[in-house]
Amino acid sequence: MPLAAYLDDMPILGARVFVHASSQVIGNVRIGNDSSIWCNTVLRGDVNHIVIGQCSNVQDLTMGHVSHKTPGKPNGSPLVVGDYVTVGHSVILHGCTIGNECMIGMGSIIMDDAVISDRVMIGAGSLVSPGKVLESGMLYVGRPVKAIRALTPEEIAYLKYSAEHYVEVKNNYLNTPKI
């Protein structure tokens, strides 16, 4: 697996985690049980920590990074992704917090200290500005993001379903015989 240490920190993987061979997971990164990190994704926990919760998936070409600790900001900006989160293709996650059962649309950018509450859907290509807090149960779209409407009960159910589907897909990869 493409895991690399940074100084004294080595990534820690939970049970049944899939990390694609083309990805890079570096330093102080913890990935929860049944999560998946897909093709050409980079999770670089060098100057702060990254946590990916359980049953979450970080899809192809995503970049996850952090901001370092400073005297004015002693905790810096770690990257924390909750449980049952789907992070779409080519997303940039930088020093932000994403709650449980969220979907981050393809090509979106979530910047330092942004907080995405539980059960939020962010449309493709959106930009979440530094420090912005997104309310639970809403659809957000745009550059910068704006709340469009409340999610329907079906959309809220789909957030967890999407993550559960990726647990099945990663299990297929883990169970495929190696050539």
N, C-alpha and C. Protein backbone atom coordinates (compact mmCIF):
# COMPACT_ATOMS: atom_id res chain seq x y z
N MET A 1 0.83 -1.19 0.00
CA MET A 1 0.00 0.00 0.00
C MET A 1 0.87 1.24 0.00
N PRO A 2 0.36 2.31 -0.55
CA PRO A 2 1.14 3.54 -0.69
C PRO A 2 1.11 4.40 0.56
N LEU A 3 1.63 3.89 1.64
CA LEU A 3 1.68 4.61 2.90
C LEU A 3 3.10 5.08 3.14
N ALA A 4 3.24 6.28 3.67
CA ALA A 4 4.57 6.82 3.93
C ALA A 4 4.58 7.55 5.26
N ALA A 5 5.68 7.41 5.96
CA ALA A 5 5.86 8.14 7.22
C ALA A 5 6.26 9.58 6.92
N TYR A 6 5.96 10.45 7.87
CA TYR A 6 6.52 11.80 7.90
C TYR A 6 7.04 12.00 9.31
N LEU A 7 8.34 12.23 9.44
CA LEU A 7 9.01 12.27 10.73
C LEU A 7 8.64 10.99 11.50
N ASP A 8 8.01 11.11 12.66
CA ASP A 8 7.68 9.93 13.45
C ASP A 8 6.25 9.44 13.24
N ASP A 9 5.52 10.07 12.34
CA ASP A 9 4.12 9.71 12.14
C ASP A 9 3.93 8.82 10.92
N MET A 10 3.23 7.72 11.15
CA MET A 10 2.90 6.77 10.10
C MET A 10 1.38 6.64 10.04
N PRO A 11 0.78 6.57 8.85
CA PRO A 11 -0.67 6.40 8.77
C PRO A 11 -1.13 5.16 9.54
N ILE A 12 -2.33 5.26 10.11
CA ILE A 12 -2.95 4.16 10.84
C ILE A 12 -4.26 3.83 10.15
N LEU A 13 -4.41 2.58 9.75
CA LEU A 13 -5.60 2.15 9.04
C LEU A 13 -6.44 1.26 9.94
N GLY A 14 -7.76 1.47 9.92
CA GLY A 14 -8.68 0.60 10.63
C GLY A 14 -8.85 -0.71 9.88
N ALA A 15 -9.78 -1.51 10.32
CA ALA A 15 -10.05 -2.82 9.72
C ALA A 15 -10.72 -2.65 8.36
N ARG A 16 -10.35 -3.50 7.43
CA ARG A 16 -10.99 -3.59 6.11
C ARG A 16 -10.94 -2.28 5.32
N VAL A 17 -9.88 -1.52 5.49
CA VAL A 17 -9.68 -0.28 4.73
C VAL A 17 -9.06 -0.62 3.38
N PHE A 18 -9.51 0.06 2.33
CA PHE A 18 -8.92 -0.09 1.01
C PHE A 18 -8.25 1.22 0.63
N VAL A 19 -6.96 1.16 0.29
CA VAL A 19 -6.22 2.31 -0.23
C VAL A 19 -5.68 1.88 -1.58
N HIS A 20 -6.12 2.52 -2.65
CA HIS A 20 -5.66 2.16 -3.99
C HIS A 20 -4.16 2.38 -4.10
N ALA A 21 -3.51 1.50 -4.85
CA ALA A 21 -2.05 1.53 -5.00
C ALA A 21 -1.52 2.84 -5.58
N SER A 22 -2.34 3.58 -6.31
CA SER A 22 -1.87 4.84 -6.91
C SER A 22 -1.99 6.02 -5.96
N SER A 23 -2.60 5.83 -4.80
CA SER A 23 -2.79 6.92 -3.84
C SER A 23 -1.56 7.12 -2.97
N GLN A 24 -1.52 8.24 -2.28
CA GLN A 24 -0.46 8.54 -1.32
C GLN A 24 -1.11 8.96 0.00
N VAL A 25 -0.81 8.22 1.05
CA VAL A 25 -1.30 8.53 2.39
C VAL A 25 -0.06 8.71 3.25
N ILE A 26 0.13 9.94 3.75
CA ILE A 26 1.41 10.34 4.31
C ILE A 26 1.24 10.91 5.71
N GLY A 27 2.04 10.41 6.65
CA GLY A 27 2.15 11.03 7.96
C GLY A 27 1.03 10.72 8.91
N ASN A 28 0.58 11.73 9.62
CA ASN A 28 -0.38 11.61 10.71
C ASN A 28 -1.80 11.54 10.14
N VAL A 29 -2.13 10.37 9.60
CA VAL A 29 -3.44 10.12 8.99
C VAL A 29 -4.03 8.88 9.64
N ARG A 30 -5.28 8.99 10.10
CA ARG A 30 -6.01 7.84 10.64
C ARG A 30 -7.25 7.62 9.78
N ILE A 31 -7.42 6.40 9.30
CA ILE A 31 -8.55 6.06 8.45
C ILE A 31 -9.37 4.99 9.16
N GLY A 32 -10.67 5.26 9.33
CA GLY A 32 -11.55 4.38 10.08
C GLY A 32 -11.94 3.12 9.33
N ASN A 33 -12.48 2.17 10.07
CA ASN A 33 -12.91 0.89 9.54
C ASN A 33 -13.80 1.05 8.30
N ASP A 34 -13.58 0.17 7.34
CA ASP A 34 -14.42 0.06 6.14
C ASP A 34 -14.42 1.29 5.25
N SER A 35 -13.43 2.13 5.38
CA SER A 35 -13.33 3.30 4.49
C SER A 35 -12.46 2.96 3.28
N SER A 36 -12.54 3.83 2.27
CA SER A 36 -11.78 3.60 1.04
C SER A 36 -11.19 4.90 0.52
N ILE A 37 -9.96 4.76 0.01
CA ILE A 37 -9.22 5.88 -0.57
C ILE A 37 -8.91 5.47 -2.01
N TRP A 38 -9.42 6.21 -2.97
CA TRP A 38 -9.41 5.77 -4.36
C TRP A 38 -8.25 6.34 -5.17
N CYS A 39 -8.23 6.00 -6.43
CA CYS A 39 -7.11 6.23 -7.35
C CYS A 39 -6.57 7.66 -7.32
N ASN A 40 -5.25 7.75 -7.16
CA ASN A 40 -4.52 9.02 -7.25
C ASN A 40 -4.94 10.06 -6.23
N THR A 41 -5.50 9.62 -5.13
CA THR A 41 -5.84 10.53 -4.04
C THR A 41 -4.59 10.75 -3.19
N VAL A 42 -4.46 11.96 -2.64
CA VAL A 42 -3.37 12.29 -1.73
C VAL A 42 -3.96 12.77 -0.41
N LEU A 43 -3.55 12.13 0.68
CA LEU A 43 -3.87 12.58 2.03
C LEU A 43 -2.54 12.85 2.71
N ARG A 44 -2.20 14.13 2.88
CA ARG A 44 -0.88 14.50 3.38
C ARG A 44 -1.00 15.11 4.77
N GLY A 45 -0.79 14.25 5.77
CA GLY A 45 -0.84 14.67 7.17
C GLY A 45 0.55 14.96 7.70
N ASP A 46 1.17 15.98 7.16
CA ASP A 46 2.55 16.27 7.57
C ASP A 46 2.63 17.33 8.66
N VAL A 47 1.96 18.45 8.52
CA VAL A 47 2.09 19.53 9.50
C VAL A 47 0.88 19.61 10.44
N ASN A 48 -0.02 18.66 10.32
CA ASN A 48 -1.16 18.52 11.21
C ASN A 48 -1.77 17.16 10.92
N HIS A 49 -2.86 16.81 11.59
CA HIS A 49 -3.41 15.47 11.42
C HIS A 49 -4.64 15.45 10.51
N ILE A 50 -4.87 14.26 9.96
CA ILE A 50 -6.04 13.98 9.14
C ILE A 50 -6.75 12.78 9.74
N VAL A 51 -8.07 12.88 9.86
CA VAL A 51 -8.89 11.76 10.33
C VAL A 51 -9.99 11.54 9.30
N ILE A 52 -10.09 10.32 8.82
CA ILE A 52 -11.19 9.90 7.96
C ILE A 52 -12.00 8.90 8.78
N GLY A 53 -13.29 9.15 8.96
CA GLY A 53 -14.12 8.29 9.78
C GLY A 53 -14.39 6.94 9.16
N GLN A 54 -15.28 6.18 9.75
CA GLN A 54 -15.58 4.84 9.25
C GLN A 54 -16.61 4.91 8.13
N CYS A 55 -16.50 3.95 7.22
CA CYS A 55 -17.44 3.79 6.10
C CYS A 55 -17.49 5.02 5.20
N SER A 56 -16.40 5.77 5.14
CA SER A 56 -16.32 6.94 4.26
C SER A 56 -15.48 6.59 3.05
N ASN A 57 -15.70 7.32 1.96
CA ASN A 57 -14.92 7.09 0.75
C ASN A 57 -14.43 8.42 0.22
N VAL A 58 -13.15 8.42 -0.16
CA VAL A 58 -12.49 9.60 -0.72
C VAL A 58 -12.10 9.21 -2.14
N GLN A 59 -12.79 9.80 -3.10
CA GLN A 59 -12.70 9.32 -4.47
C GLN A 59 -11.52 9.92 -5.24
N ASP A 60 -11.35 9.39 -6.44
CA ASP A 60 -10.20 9.62 -7.31
C ASP A 60 -9.81 11.09 -7.40
N LEU A 61 -8.49 11.32 -7.35
CA LEU A 61 -7.86 12.63 -7.56
C LEU A 61 -8.16 13.66 -6.49
N THR A 62 -8.64 13.22 -5.34
CA THR A 62 -8.90 14.16 -4.25
C THR A 62 -7.59 14.49 -3.55
N MET A 63 -7.47 15.73 -3.10
CA MET A 63 -6.32 16.19 -2.32
C MET A 63 -6.80 16.60 -0.94
N GLY A 64 -6.25 15.96 0.10
CA GLY A 64 -6.55 16.32 1.47
C GLY A 64 -5.29 16.79 2.16
N HIS A 65 -5.34 18.01 2.72
CA HIS A 65 -4.17 18.55 3.39
C HIS A 65 -4.63 19.37 4.59
N VAL A 66 -3.71 19.97 5.30
CA VAL A 66 -3.93 20.61 6.59
C VAL A 66 -3.13 21.91 6.67
N SER A 67 -3.40 22.72 7.69
CA SER A 67 -2.57 23.90 7.97
C SER A 67 -1.86 23.71 9.30
N HIS A 68 -0.64 24.21 9.36
CA HIS A 68 0.22 23.99 10.53
C HIS A 68 -0.23 24.84 11.73
N LYS A 69 0.28 24.45 12.88
CA LYS A 69 0.01 25.14 14.12
C LYS A 69 0.91 26.37 14.20
N THR A 70 0.35 27.47 14.72
CA THR A 70 1.10 28.71 14.89
C THR A 70 0.80 29.26 16.28
N PRO A 71 1.59 30.23 16.76
CA PRO A 71 1.29 30.83 18.07
C PRO A 71 -0.12 31.44 18.09
N GLY A 72 -0.54 32.05 17.00
CA GLY A 72 -1.86 32.65 16.95
C GLY A 72 -2.98 31.65 16.74
N LYS A 73 -2.62 30.47 16.28
CA LYS A 73 -3.61 29.42 16.02
C LYS A 73 -2.99 28.10 16.45
N PRO A 74 -2.98 27.83 17.77
CA PRO A 74 -2.22 26.70 18.31
C PRO A 74 -2.67 25.33 17.82
N ASN A 75 -3.90 25.19 17.36
CA ASN A 75 -4.34 23.90 16.82
C ASN A 75 -4.19 23.82 15.31
N GLY A 76 -3.81 24.91 14.67
CA GLY A 76 -3.74 24.91 13.21
C GLY A 76 -5.10 24.57 12.63
N SER A 77 -5.08 23.87 11.49
CA SER A 77 -6.33 23.43 10.86
C SER A 77 -6.16 21.99 10.41
N PRO A 78 -6.55 21.02 11.27
CA PRO A 78 -6.52 19.63 10.84
C PRO A 78 -7.65 19.38 9.84
N LEU A 79 -7.60 18.24 9.19
CA LEU A 79 -8.68 17.80 8.30
C LEU A 79 -9.39 16.65 8.99
N VAL A 80 -10.69 16.81 9.23
CA VAL A 80 -11.48 15.79 9.90
C VAL A 80 -12.72 15.50 9.04
N VAL A 81 -12.85 14.24 8.63
CA VAL A 81 -13.99 13.79 7.84
C VAL A 81 -14.73 12.76 8.67
N GLY A 82 -16.04 12.92 8.81
CA GLY A 82 -16.83 12.04 9.66
C GLY A 82 -17.10 10.67 9.06
N ASP A 83 -18.11 10.01 9.58
CA ASP A 83 -18.51 8.68 9.17
C ASP A 83 -19.53 8.77 8.03
N TYR A 84 -19.51 7.78 7.14
CA TYR A 84 -20.47 7.67 6.04
C TYR A 84 -20.47 8.92 5.16
N VAL A 85 -19.28 9.37 4.81
CA VAL A 85 -19.12 10.54 3.95
C VAL A 85 -18.66 10.07 2.58
N THR A 86 -19.23 10.66 1.54
CA THR A 86 -18.77 10.44 0.17
C THR A 86 -18.13 11.73 -0.30
N VAL A 87 -16.83 11.65 -0.61
CA VAL A 87 -16.08 12.78 -1.16
C VAL A 87 -15.89 12.48 -2.64
N GLY A 88 -16.48 13.28 -3.51
CA GLY A 88 -16.44 13.04 -4.95
C GLY A 88 -15.07 13.22 -5.56
N HIS A 89 -14.99 12.93 -6.83
CA HIS A 89 -13.74 13.01 -7.59
C HIS A 89 -13.19 14.45 -7.62
N SER A 90 -11.87 14.56 -7.56
CA SER A 90 -11.15 15.83 -7.74
C SER A 90 -11.57 16.92 -6.76
N VAL A 91 -11.80 16.53 -5.53
CA VAL A 91 -12.15 17.49 -4.48
C VAL A 91 -10.86 17.92 -3.78
N ILE A 92 -10.83 19.17 -3.31
CA ILE A 92 -9.76 19.65 -2.43
C ILE A 92 -10.37 19.88 -1.06
N LEU A 93 -9.83 19.18 -0.07
CA LEU A 93 -10.22 19.36 1.32
C LEU A 93 -9.01 19.91 2.05
N HIS A 94 -9.11 21.11 2.60
CA HIS A 94 -7.93 21.72 3.24
C HIS A 94 -8.28 22.22 4.63
N GLY A 95 -7.83 21.49 5.64
CA GLY A 95 -7.96 21.95 7.02
C GLY A 95 -9.39 22.24 7.43
N CYS A 96 -10.33 21.41 7.00
CA CYS A 96 -11.75 21.64 7.28
C CYS A 96 -12.31 20.48 8.09
N THR A 97 -13.55 20.63 8.52
CA THR A 97 -14.25 19.58 9.26
C THR A 97 -15.53 19.25 8.52
N ILE A 98 -15.71 17.95 8.25
CA ILE A 98 -16.91 17.48 7.57
C ILE A 98 -17.61 16.51 8.50
N GLY A 99 -18.88 16.75 8.75
CA GLY A 99 -19.66 15.92 9.66
C GLY A 99 -19.99 14.56 9.06
N ASN A 100 -20.90 13.86 9.70
CA ASN A 100 -21.32 12.53 9.27
C ASN A 100 -22.38 12.61 8.17
N GLU A 101 -22.39 11.56 7.33
CA GLU A 101 -23.40 11.41 6.29
C GLU A 101 -23.51 12.64 5.40
N CYS A 102 -22.37 13.04 4.84
CA CYS A 102 -22.33 14.16 3.91
C CYS A 102 -21.90 13.67 2.55
N MET A 103 -22.21 14.47 1.53
CA MET A 103 -21.74 14.21 0.18
C MET A 103 -21.13 15.50 -0.34
N ILE A 104 -19.85 15.39 -0.74
CA ILE A 104 -19.12 16.53 -1.28
C ILE A 104 -19.00 16.32 -2.79
N GLY A 105 -19.62 17.17 -3.58
CA GLY A 105 -19.68 16.99 -5.02
C GLY A 105 -18.34 17.12 -5.70
N MET A 106 -18.23 16.48 -6.86
CA MET A 106 -17.00 16.46 -7.65
C MET A 106 -16.46 17.87 -7.89
N GLY A 107 -15.15 18.01 -7.78
CA GLY A 107 -14.49 19.27 -8.09
C GLY A 107 -14.70 20.38 -7.07
N SER A 108 -15.28 20.07 -5.93
CA SER A 108 -15.51 21.10 -4.92
C SER A 108 -14.23 21.39 -4.15
N ILE A 109 -14.20 22.57 -3.54
CA ILE A 109 -13.07 22.99 -2.70
C ILE A 109 -13.64 23.42 -1.36
N ILE A 110 -13.13 22.79 -0.28
CA ILE A 110 -13.54 23.13 1.08
C ILE A 110 -12.29 23.65 1.79
N MET A 111 -12.32 24.90 2.21
CA MET A 111 -11.12 25.56 2.71
C MET A 111 -11.00 25.54 4.23
N ASP A 112 -9.87 26.04 4.73
CA ASP A 112 -9.52 26.00 6.15
C ASP A 112 -10.65 26.48 7.05
N ASP A 113 -10.84 25.71 8.11
CA ASP A 113 -11.75 26.05 9.20
C ASP A 113 -13.22 26.09 8.80
N ALA A 114 -13.53 25.67 7.57
CA ALA A 114 -14.94 25.49 7.21
C ALA A 114 -15.46 24.30 7.99
N VAL A 115 -16.73 24.36 8.36
CA VAL A 115 -17.38 23.27 9.09
C VAL A 115 -18.63 22.88 8.34
N ILE A 116 -18.65 21.64 7.90
CA ILE A 116 -19.80 21.09 7.21
C ILE A 116 -20.53 20.23 8.24
N SER A 117 -21.72 20.62 8.63
CA SER A 117 -22.48 19.88 9.64
C SER A 117 -22.93 18.53 9.09
N ASP A 118 -23.49 17.69 9.95
CA ASP A 118 -23.99 16.38 9.52
C ASP A 118 -25.07 16.54 8.45
N ARG A 119 -25.13 15.53 7.57
CA ARG A 119 -26.17 15.41 6.55
C ARG A 119 -26.30 16.67 5.70
N VAL A 120 -25.20 16.99 5.02
CA VAL A 120 -25.15 18.11 4.07
C VAL A 120 -24.74 17.56 2.71
N MET A 121 -25.36 18.09 1.65
CA MET A 121 -24.97 17.76 0.29
C MET A 121 -24.43 19.04 -0.35
N ILE A 122 -23.21 18.93 -0.91
CA ILE A 122 -22.59 20.07 -1.58
C ILE A 122 -22.51 19.72 -3.07
N GLY A 123 -23.08 20.58 -3.91
CA GLY A 123 -23.11 20.34 -5.34
C GLY A 123 -21.73 20.41 -5.97
N ALA A 124 -21.60 19.75 -7.12
CA ALA A 124 -20.32 19.69 -7.84
C ALA A 124 -19.80 21.09 -8.13
N GLY A 125 -18.47 21.24 -8.02
CA GLY A 125 -17.80 22.48 -8.36
C GLY A 125 -17.98 23.61 -7.37
N SER A 126 -18.46 23.32 -6.19
CA SER A 126 -18.72 24.37 -5.20
C SER A 126 -17.45 24.78 -4.45
N LEU A 127 -17.48 25.96 -3.87
CA LEU A 127 -16.38 26.50 -3.07
C LEU A 127 -16.92 26.90 -1.71
N VAL A 128 -16.38 26.28 -0.66
CA VAL A 128 -16.73 26.65 0.71
C VAL A 128 -15.58 27.47 1.26
N SER A 129 -15.86 28.74 1.52
CA SER A 129 -14.84 29.70 1.96
C SER A 129 -14.32 29.38 3.35
N PRO A 130 -13.12 29.89 3.68
CA PRO A 130 -12.55 29.65 5.00
C PRO A 130 -13.50 30.09 6.12
N GLY A 131 -13.65 29.21 7.11
CA GLY A 131 -14.43 29.53 8.29
C GLY A 131 -15.94 29.44 8.12
N LYS A 132 -16.44 29.17 6.95
CA LYS A 132 -17.89 29.10 6.73
C LYS A 132 -18.45 27.86 7.41
N VAL A 133 -19.62 27.99 8.01
CA VAL A 133 -20.30 26.88 8.67
C VAL A 133 -21.58 26.60 7.90
N LEU A 134 -21.73 25.34 7.45
CA LEU A 134 -22.90 24.94 6.69
C LEU A 134 -23.87 24.21 7.59
N GLU A 135 -25.13 24.58 7.52
CA GLU A 135 -26.20 24.04 8.36
C GLU A 135 -26.61 22.64 7.93
N SER A 136 -26.91 21.80 8.89
CA SER A 136 -27.31 20.42 8.66
C SER A 136 -28.60 20.34 7.84
N GLY A 137 -28.68 19.29 7.00
CA GLY A 137 -29.91 19.01 6.27
C GLY A 137 -30.16 19.87 5.06
N MET A 138 -29.12 20.50 4.54
CA MET A 138 -29.29 21.44 3.43
C MET A 138 -28.47 21.04 2.21
N LEU A 139 -28.91 21.50 1.05
CA LEU A 139 -28.16 21.43 -0.20
C LEU A 139 -27.50 22.77 -0.42
N TYR A 140 -26.18 22.74 -0.68
CA TYR A 140 -25.40 23.94 -0.96
C TYR A 140 -24.77 23.82 -2.33
N VAL A 141 -24.78 24.93 -3.08
CA VAL A 141 -24.21 24.94 -4.42
C VAL A 141 -23.60 26.31 -4.67
N GLY A 142 -22.53 26.36 -5.47
CA GLY A 142 -22.01 27.64 -5.97
C GLY A 142 -20.60 27.94 -5.52
N ARG A 143 -20.09 29.05 -6.08
CA ARG A 143 -18.75 29.56 -5.79
C ARG A 143 -18.87 31.04 -5.45
N PRO A 144 -18.99 31.42 -4.21
CA PRO A 144 -19.03 30.60 -3.00
C PRO A 144 -20.39 29.92 -2.82
N VAL A 145 -20.42 28.89 -1.96
CA VAL A 145 -21.65 28.14 -1.76
C VAL A 145 -22.74 29.00 -1.14
N LYS A 146 -23.95 28.66 -1.54
CA LYS A 146 -25.15 29.26 -0.94
C LYS A 146 -26.12 28.13 -0.67
N ALA A 147 -26.87 28.27 0.41
CA ALA A 147 -27.91 27.29 0.71
C ALA A 147 -28.99 27.42 -0.35
N ILE A 148 -29.33 26.30 -0.97
CA ILE A 148 -30.35 26.29 -2.02
C ILE A 148 -31.70 25.91 -1.43
N ARG A 149 -31.71 24.82 -0.63
CA ARG A 149 -32.97 24.33 -0.05
C ARG A 149 -32.66 23.24 0.96
N ALA A 150 -33.69 22.88 1.69
CA ALA A 150 -33.57 21.73 2.60
C ALA A 150 -33.55 20.45 1.78
N LEU A 151 -32.80 19.47 2.25
CA LEU A 151 -32.78 18.16 1.61
C LEU A 151 -34.10 17.44 1.89
N THR A 152 -34.54 16.66 0.91
CA THR A 152 -35.73 15.84 1.11
C THR A 152 -35.36 14.63 1.97
N PRO A 153 -36.35 13.97 2.56
CA PRO A 153 -36.04 12.74 3.31
C PRO A 153 -35.33 11.70 2.44
N GLU A 154 -35.69 11.62 1.16
CA GLU A 154 -35.04 10.67 0.25
C GLU A 154 -33.58 11.04 0.03
N GLU A 155 -33.28 12.31 -0.10
CA GLU A 155 -31.89 12.75 -0.28
C GLU A 155 -31.07 12.50 0.99
N ILE A 156 -31.67 12.72 2.13
CA ILE A 156 -30.96 12.45 3.39
C ILE A 156 -30.64 10.97 3.49
N ALA A 157 -31.59 10.11 3.14
CA ALA A 157 -31.34 8.66 3.16
C ALA A 157 -30.25 8.28 2.16
N TYR A 158 -30.21 8.97 1.01
CA TYR A 158 -29.23 8.67 -0.02
C TYR A 158 -27.80 8.96 0.45
N LEU A 159 -27.61 9.92 1.32
CA LEU A 159 -26.26 10.25 1.80
C LEU A 159 -25.61 9.03 2.44
N LYS A 160 -26.32 8.34 3.31
CA LYS A 160 -25.75 7.15 3.95
C LYS A 160 -25.69 6.00 2.95
N TYR A 161 -26.71 5.86 2.11
CA TYR A 161 -26.72 4.80 1.10
C TYR A 161 -25.48 4.89 0.20
N SER A 162 -25.13 6.10 -0.23
CA SER A 162 -23.98 6.28 -1.11
C SER A 162 -22.71 5.75 -0.45
N ALA A 163 -22.51 6.09 0.80
CA ALA A 163 -21.32 5.61 1.51
C ALA A 163 -21.37 4.10 1.69
N GLU A 164 -22.54 3.55 2.00
CA GLU A 164 -22.66 2.10 2.15
C GLU A 164 -22.38 1.38 0.84
N HIS A 165 -22.80 1.98 -0.27
CA HIS A 165 -22.52 1.40 -1.59
C HIS A 165 -21.01 1.31 -1.82
N TYR A 166 -20.28 2.35 -1.43
CA TYR A 166 -18.82 2.33 -1.60
C TYR A 166 -18.14 1.34 -0.67
N VAL A 167 -18.76 1.02 0.45
CA VAL A 167 -18.23 -0.06 1.29
C VAL A 167 -18.30 -1.37 0.50
N GLU A 168 -19.41 -1.60 -0.19
CA GLU A 168 -19.54 -2.81 -1.02
C GLU A 168 -18.50 -2.82 -2.15
N VAL A 169 -18.32 -1.69 -2.81
CA VAL A 169 -17.35 -1.61 -3.92
C VAL A 169 -15.94 -1.89 -3.41
N LYS A 170 -15.56 -1.28 -2.29
CA LYS A 170 -14.20 -1.51 -1.78
C LYS A 170 -14.04 -2.96 -1.34
N ASN A 171 -15.11 -3.58 -0.82
CA ASN A 171 -15.02 -5.00 -0.47
C ASN A 171 -14.76 -5.85 -1.70
N ASN A 172 -15.38 -5.49 -2.83
CA ASN A 172 -15.11 -6.20 -4.08
C ASN A 172 -13.63 -6.10 -4.45
N TYR A 173 -13.06 -4.90 -4.30
CA TYR A 173 -11.63 -4.72 -4.59
C TYR A 173 -10.77 -5.55 -3.64
N LEU A 174 -11.12 -5.52 -2.35
CA LEU A 174 -10.33 -6.28 -1.38
C LEU A 174 -10.42 -7.79 -1.63
N ASN A 175 -11.55 -8.24 -2.14
CA ASN A 175 -11.76 -9.68 -2.35
C ASN A 175 -11.38 -10.16 -3.74
N THR A 176 -10.96 -9.26 -4.63
CA THR A 176 -10.54 -9.66 -5.97
C THR A 176 -9.16 -10.28 -5.89
N PRO A 177 -8.99 -11.47 -6.48
CA PRO A 177 -7.66 -12.09 -6.45
C PRO A 177 -6.60 -11.19 -7.11
N LYS A 178 -5.44 -11.15 -6.51
CA LYS A 178 -4.33 -10.34 -7.03
C LYS A 178 -3.64 -11.13 -8.15
N ILE A 179 -3.32 -10.45 -9.21
CA ILE A 179 -2.64 -11.09 -10.35
C ILE A 179 -1.15 -11.07 -10.13
